[in-house]
């Protein structure tokens, strides 16, 4: 209990202590509130007293700010006036001395107009805008003149030699005046033109083009697009046309072409092919680059100007091709037509690229139309040539039975066709294999027409032996030429073998017609007319001395006639000539030796045996070696 009392006493003391502490804290708090209340009252009184001063200070600060802003605006406006005076001085000096500074001044004038247009309430703004706008208009007129003068100064027709230097080495003419022989190059080269690189010349110095571009841009921005279009086209179109004239291009129509001799026309066609390649790949390509750089960023204007500048020149070039395509067809024109067709096909991608805009559509269509017309004319010429060969009625005669000029002409024609295999493939629109078949059909028809004509010409000979010799020579020439050319791959081995047999048939016919009669004199059945071309002499019959003399006399007479006649005939192929002589000798000489050996002694024992036995076998062999040489016979 005592312990309990102690604890309770302690708790009572602590409770009393905490109560006293709380009373002291409350007293302090009350005192602080009283003090703070006093401060608040004083601050409110002070703020009330200072408010008028604060208001005056704020007003003064605001006024200073407004003054600063006004001064700054005035400074900017005065700066614009000052800039306008400086710019005006540059404009009045003109662009010729310092074009870059002049262009900068024009841009500054535009900025000044924008500035005063945005400045409201300034009385001088309208006056300044009018003044600067007038100045700007004058500056653009001077700019136009500067563009004209600068473009004129650096727009000169390009000399042909400069264009030739831009060509691949193999296409450069050997002289300054191009001709067909030295500008078209070999056919093999023309086939590989895809790998050749052309380097169009710089028509205007590179340092000048940026200036022209800036001038053009300023004129467009000023709304002078039409004036720019007119100035550019007037200057550049004349220069392009002059460049073509220097090169040798001239406008020729159908009537002009019809009046020309073939040699002159052929040379002009060769030159035209060269001119087309130079014009498209070099001149027009370079002109396109000029337009691209001057009118960069102005696509529509660029395309319109380029079309206008080149339109007439393209028309002049294509008009000659049109005149040729529309002129009277003739066989000799086929290969130049194919050459022209080739160059148009070769240039097709460049034409589509260089003249790709909608404003050049007419030029592209004209080029395509010319290509199609050349193809059509070439195809029609094939048909014409076939008919001309079959119906050829030239009076040119070959008295010696040699190869007729028509044959060599047609064969050369066919050989040339095979130089144009890739072109003909495009012409007829064939696939690879179909192309060969089509070319084979054409070649076969032409050769059939030739053989038909030769059959007719062979009937002009009165001597049937010469008829066979003529056909043998000509068919052999055809077969040999085919075997040595690409035509063999198209016509095939069967065609060659068939026509070789035809040659042999004509050779056999010649031997039968020429020698059967004389061989009959060496046969005991000679008078019967039934002897074959074998040279065999029967041993079962006998002939009287007078009969033997008659046989020798008849043989001598017939052989001399044949020798005199056929030594003037010609077999131009040496192998065929030797083969034909050997075939005759293999039959004639054994028959003569046999007859002379059996019946010669009957003559040799009498008077004047040399009157009848005029030739030994060796003499006959020597004289046979003179056959088919085309020489005049001089007698034994």
Foldseek 3Di string as FASTA:
>chain_A
DVVVVVVVVVVVVVVVVVVVVVVVVVVVVVVVVVVVVVVVVVVVVVCVVCVVVVVVVVVVVVVVVVVVVVVVVVVVVVVLVVLLVVLLVLLVVACPPPVVSVLVSLVSLVVSLVVLVPDPPDPCSVVSNVVSVVSSVSSLVSLLVVLLVLLQVLQAADAVVVLLVQFPPQQRAPDSQDWLVRHPGDLVVLVVCVPTDGDADQSGPPVCLVSLLSSQVSCVVVVNLVSVLVSLQVRLLVNLVVNLVNNPQDADALVNLQPDDPVVNVGVLSSLLRSLCSCLNHVLVNVLVSLCRSNPVPVVSSLLSSCSSCVVVLVRSLRSLVSLLPYDADLVCLVSLLSVLSSLVVCLVSCCVSNVDPSSVVSNVSSVVSSLSSLVSNVVNLVVLLVCLLPPDDPDDDLQLAADPSLVVLLVSLQVVVSCLVSQCVSVVHDPVVSLQVNLVSNVSSVVSNLNNLLVNLVVDPQVLSSLSNSLNSLVVNLVSCVVGPVCVSNDPVVSVVSVVVSVVSLVVSCCSLPVLLLLLLEPCSVVSPDDLALDHDPPDDDDLVSLLVSLVVNVVSLQVCLQSQLLHARPDPVVLVVSLVVNLVRPLVSVVVSCVVNVVSLVVDPPSCVRCVDDSVRSSVSSVSGRPNDHDDDD
